[in-house]
């Protein structure tokens, strides 16, 4: 919901809903995230986390390389 309401985000997708959604034609960035990466291993008490990738609207995410990425964010939760 935050991506949809941000004027900076042009398009967004998540691992749970892997379809690019246009959020703001004037937006500058394309973002993609996995809200709970590693969720299948929670029972083993291993760390899980959130991964976010941000690309400029000129390249977008599809077909982009690591050098095209503006920044990324990794947040770790755990182990419990």
N, C-alpha and C. Protein backbone atom coordinates (compact mmCIF):
# COMPACT_ATOMS: atom_id res chain seq x y z
N UNK A 1 0.81 -1.21 0.00
CA UNK A 1 0.00 0.00 0.00
C UNK A 1 0.85 1.27 0.00
N UNK A 2 1.99 1.24 0.69
CA UNK A 2 2.86 2.42 0.71
C UNK A 2 3.43 2.68 -0.68
N UNK A 3 3.78 1.63 -1.40
CA UNK A 3 4.31 1.81 -2.75
C UNK A 3 3.25 2.43 -3.66
N UNK A 4 2.02 2.03 -3.49
CA UNK A 4 0.93 2.56 -4.32
C UNK A 4 0.67 4.04 -4.05
N UNK A 5 0.89 4.47 -2.82
CA UNK A 5 0.58 5.86 -2.47
C UNK A 5 1.77 6.81 -2.63
N UNK A 6 2.97 6.29 -2.87
CA UNK A 6 4.15 7.13 -3.00
C UNK A 6 4.24 7.75 -4.39
N UNK A 7 4.49 9.04 -4.46
CA UNK A 7 4.66 9.71 -5.74
C UNK A 7 6.03 9.44 -6.35
N UNK A 8 6.97 8.86 -5.58
CA UNK A 8 8.30 8.54 -6.07
C UNK A 8 8.35 7.19 -6.79
N UNK A 9 7.39 6.31 -6.52
CA UNK A 9 7.40 4.96 -7.08
C UNK A 9 6.59 4.93 -8.37
N UNK A 10 7.27 4.59 -9.46
CA UNK A 10 6.61 4.50 -10.77
C UNK A 10 5.90 3.16 -10.94
N UNK A 11 6.59 2.06 -10.57
CA UNK A 11 6.00 0.73 -10.65
C UNK A 11 6.59 -0.14 -9.55
N UNK A 12 5.83 -1.17 -9.15
CA UNK A 12 6.26 -2.00 -8.04
C UNK A 12 5.73 -3.42 -8.19
N UNK A 13 6.43 -4.36 -7.55
CA UNK A 13 6.00 -5.76 -7.51
C UNK A 13 6.61 -6.40 -6.27
N UNK A 14 5.99 -7.47 -5.81
CA UNK A 14 6.54 -8.22 -4.69
C UNK A 14 6.65 -9.69 -5.09
N UNK A 15 7.39 -10.44 -4.31
CA UNK A 15 7.55 -11.87 -4.60
C UNK A 15 6.20 -12.58 -4.47
N UNK A 16 5.34 -12.10 -3.57
CA UNK A 16 4.02 -12.71 -3.40
C UNK A 16 3.09 -12.38 -4.57
N UNK A 17 3.25 -11.20 -5.18
CA UNK A 17 2.45 -10.78 -6.33
C UNK A 17 3.42 -10.30 -7.41
N UNK A 18 4.01 -11.23 -8.17
CA UNK A 18 5.09 -10.89 -9.11
C UNK A 18 4.64 -10.26 -10.43
N UNK A 19 3.76 -9.30 -10.34
CA UNK A 19 3.29 -8.58 -11.52
C UNK A 19 3.61 -7.10 -11.30
N UNK A 20 4.28 -6.47 -12.27
CA UNK A 20 4.59 -5.05 -12.15
C UNK A 20 3.30 -4.23 -12.19
N UNK A 21 3.09 -3.40 -11.18
CA UNK A 21 1.91 -2.56 -11.10
C UNK A 21 2.36 -1.11 -11.22
N UNK A 22 1.80 -0.40 -12.18
CA UNK A 22 2.13 1.02 -12.31
C UNK A 22 1.42 1.78 -11.19
N UNK A 23 2.19 2.56 -10.43
CA UNK A 23 1.62 3.27 -9.29
C UNK A 23 1.53 4.77 -9.50
N UNK A 24 2.50 5.36 -10.21
CA UNK A 24 2.50 6.80 -10.47
C UNK A 24 3.29 7.07 -11.74
N UNK A 25 2.65 7.63 -12.74
CA UNK A 25 3.34 7.92 -14.01
C UNK A 25 4.50 8.89 -13.83
N UNK A 26 4.42 9.75 -12.82
CA UNK A 26 5.48 10.73 -12.56
C UNK A 26 6.57 10.17 -11.65
N UNK A 27 6.41 8.94 -11.15
CA UNK A 27 7.38 8.37 -10.22
C UNK A 27 8.75 8.18 -10.84
N UNK A 28 9.76 8.13 -9.98
CA UNK A 28 11.15 8.03 -10.45
C UNK A 28 11.72 6.62 -10.35
N UNK A 29 11.15 5.77 -9.49
CA UNK A 29 11.78 4.49 -9.20
C UNK A 29 10.85 3.30 -9.45
N UNK A 30 11.49 2.17 -9.76
CA UNK A 30 10.83 0.87 -9.80
C UNK A 30 11.32 0.10 -8.58
N UNK A 31 10.41 -0.49 -7.82
CA UNK A 31 10.83 -1.25 -6.64
C UNK A 31 10.25 -2.66 -6.68
N UNK A 32 11.00 -3.58 -6.12
CA UNK A 32 10.56 -4.96 -6.02
C UNK A 32 11.05 -5.49 -4.68
N UNK A 33 10.25 -6.30 -4.01
CA UNK A 33 10.64 -6.78 -2.69
C UNK A 33 10.12 -8.17 -2.42
N UNK A 34 10.81 -8.82 -1.52
CA UNK A 34 10.38 -10.11 -0.96
C UNK A 34 10.17 -9.83 0.53
N UNK A 35 8.92 -9.70 0.96
CA UNK A 35 8.66 -9.27 2.33
C UNK A 35 9.16 -10.23 3.42
N UNK A 36 9.20 -11.51 3.14
CA UNK A 36 9.66 -12.45 4.17
C UNK A 36 10.47 -13.56 3.51
N UNK A 37 11.65 -13.21 3.03
CA UNK A 37 12.54 -14.18 2.38
C UNK A 37 13.01 -15.20 3.40
N UNK A 38 12.94 -16.46 3.06
CA UNK A 38 13.35 -17.52 3.97
C UNK A 38 12.23 -18.01 4.87
N UNK A 39 10.99 -17.62 4.59
CA UNK A 39 9.88 -18.00 5.46
C UNK A 39 9.69 -19.51 5.55
N UNK A 40 10.16 -20.25 4.55
CA UNK A 40 10.00 -21.71 4.57
C UNK A 40 10.95 -22.37 5.57
N UNK A 41 11.92 -21.63 6.10
CA UNK A 41 12.87 -22.22 7.05
C UNK A 41 12.70 -21.68 8.48
N UNK A 42 11.60 -20.98 8.74
CA UNK A 42 11.36 -20.42 10.08
C UNK A 42 11.36 -21.52 11.14
N UNK A 43 10.78 -22.67 10.83
CA UNK A 43 10.71 -23.76 11.82
C UNK A 43 12.09 -24.25 12.24
N UNK A 44 13.11 -24.03 11.42
CA UNK A 44 14.47 -24.45 11.76
C UNK A 44 15.20 -23.42 12.59
N UNK A 45 14.54 -22.31 12.92
CA UNK A 45 15.11 -21.23 13.72
C UNK A 45 16.28 -20.54 13.02
N UNK A 46 16.24 -20.45 11.70
CA UNK A 46 17.24 -19.72 10.94
C UNK A 46 16.72 -18.31 10.70
N UNK A 47 17.61 -17.42 10.35
CA UNK A 47 17.21 -16.03 10.11
C UNK A 47 16.37 -15.92 8.84
N UNK A 48 15.39 -15.05 8.89
CA UNK A 48 14.61 -14.68 7.71
C UNK A 48 14.75 -13.17 7.56
N UNK A 49 14.32 -12.65 6.43
CA UNK A 49 14.48 -11.21 6.25
C UNK A 49 13.64 -10.67 5.12
N UNK A 50 13.72 -9.36 4.96
CA UNK A 50 13.06 -8.66 3.88
C UNK A 50 14.13 -8.13 2.94
N UNK A 51 13.92 -8.30 1.64
CA UNK A 51 14.85 -7.84 0.62
C UNK A 51 14.10 -6.86 -0.28
N UNK A 52 14.72 -5.69 -0.54
CA UNK A 52 14.12 -4.68 -1.40
C UNK A 52 15.15 -4.26 -2.44
N UNK A 53 14.75 -4.19 -3.70
CA UNK A 53 15.60 -3.68 -4.77
C UNK A 53 14.96 -2.45 -5.37
N UNK A 54 15.79 -1.44 -5.69
CA UNK A 54 15.28 -0.19 -6.24
C UNK A 54 16.06 0.15 -7.52
N UNK A 55 15.32 0.41 -8.59
CA UNK A 55 15.91 0.75 -9.89
C UNK A 55 15.35 2.09 -10.36
N UNK A 56 16.12 2.80 -11.17
CA UNK A 56 15.65 4.04 -11.77
C UNK A 56 14.61 3.69 -12.83
N UNK A 57 13.67 4.58 -13.06
CA UNK A 57 12.60 4.31 -14.04
C UNK A 57 13.14 4.14 -15.46
N UNK A 58 14.33 4.66 -15.73
CA UNK A 58 14.87 4.56 -17.08
C UNK A 58 15.26 3.13 -17.43
N UNK A 59 15.61 2.31 -16.42
CA UNK A 59 15.95 0.91 -16.70
C UNK A 59 14.86 -0.03 -16.24
N UNK A 60 14.14 0.32 -15.18
CA UNK A 60 13.17 -0.60 -14.62
C UNK A 60 13.87 -1.82 -14.07
N UNK A 61 13.14 -2.85 -13.74
CA UNK A 61 13.73 -4.05 -13.16
C UNK A 61 13.92 -5.16 -14.20
N UNK A 62 12.97 -5.33 -15.08
CA UNK A 62 13.03 -6.42 -16.03
C UNK A 62 14.15 -6.21 -17.04
N UNK A 63 15.07 -7.15 -17.09
CA UNK A 63 16.20 -7.04 -17.99
C UNK A 63 17.36 -6.22 -17.46
N UNK A 64 17.22 -5.69 -16.26
CA UNK A 64 18.28 -4.86 -15.67
C UNK A 64 19.38 -5.75 -15.10
N UNK A 65 20.57 -5.19 -14.98
CA UNK A 65 21.69 -5.89 -14.36
C UNK A 65 21.92 -5.30 -12.97
N UNK A 66 22.82 -5.90 -12.22
CA UNK A 66 23.15 -5.39 -10.89
C UNK A 66 23.68 -3.97 -10.93
N UNK A 67 24.36 -3.62 -12.00
CA UNK A 67 24.89 -2.25 -12.13
C UNK A 67 23.78 -1.22 -12.35
N UNK A 68 22.63 -1.66 -12.82
CA UNK A 68 21.51 -0.75 -13.04
C UNK A 68 20.76 -0.43 -11.75
N UNK A 69 20.96 -1.24 -10.73
CA UNK A 69 20.23 -1.06 -9.47
C UNK A 69 20.73 0.20 -8.75
N UNK A 70 19.79 1.02 -8.29
CA UNK A 70 20.14 2.24 -7.56
C UNK A 70 20.61 1.88 -6.16
N UNK A 71 19.86 1.04 -5.48
CA UNK A 71 20.23 0.59 -4.13
C UNK A 71 19.42 -0.66 -3.78
N UNK A 72 19.80 -1.28 -2.69
CA UNK A 72 19.05 -2.42 -2.17
C UNK A 72 19.04 -2.33 -0.65
N UNK A 73 18.09 -3.02 -0.07
CA UNK A 73 17.93 -3.03 1.38
C UNK A 73 17.73 -4.47 1.81
N UNK A 74 18.43 -4.88 2.86
CA UNK A 74 18.24 -6.20 3.44
C UNK A 74 18.03 -6.01 4.94
N UNK A 75 16.94 -6.57 5.46
CA UNK A 75 16.64 -6.50 6.89
C UNK A 75 16.52 -7.93 7.38
N UNK A 76 17.29 -8.29 8.41
CA UNK A 76 17.25 -9.65 8.97
C UNK A 76 16.44 -9.67 10.26
N UNK A 77 15.64 -10.73 10.41
CA UNK A 77 14.85 -10.95 11.63
C UNK A 77 15.25 -12.31 12.18
N UNK A 78 15.76 -12.35 13.35
CA UNK A 78 16.03 -13.64 13.96
C UNK A 78 17.48 -14.04 13.90
N UNK A 79 17.81 -15.23 14.32
CA UNK A 79 16.86 -16.28 14.71
C UNK A 79 16.11 -15.91 15.99
N UNK A 80 15.03 -16.67 16.24
CA UNK A 80 14.19 -16.36 17.40
C UNK A 80 14.95 -16.54 18.68
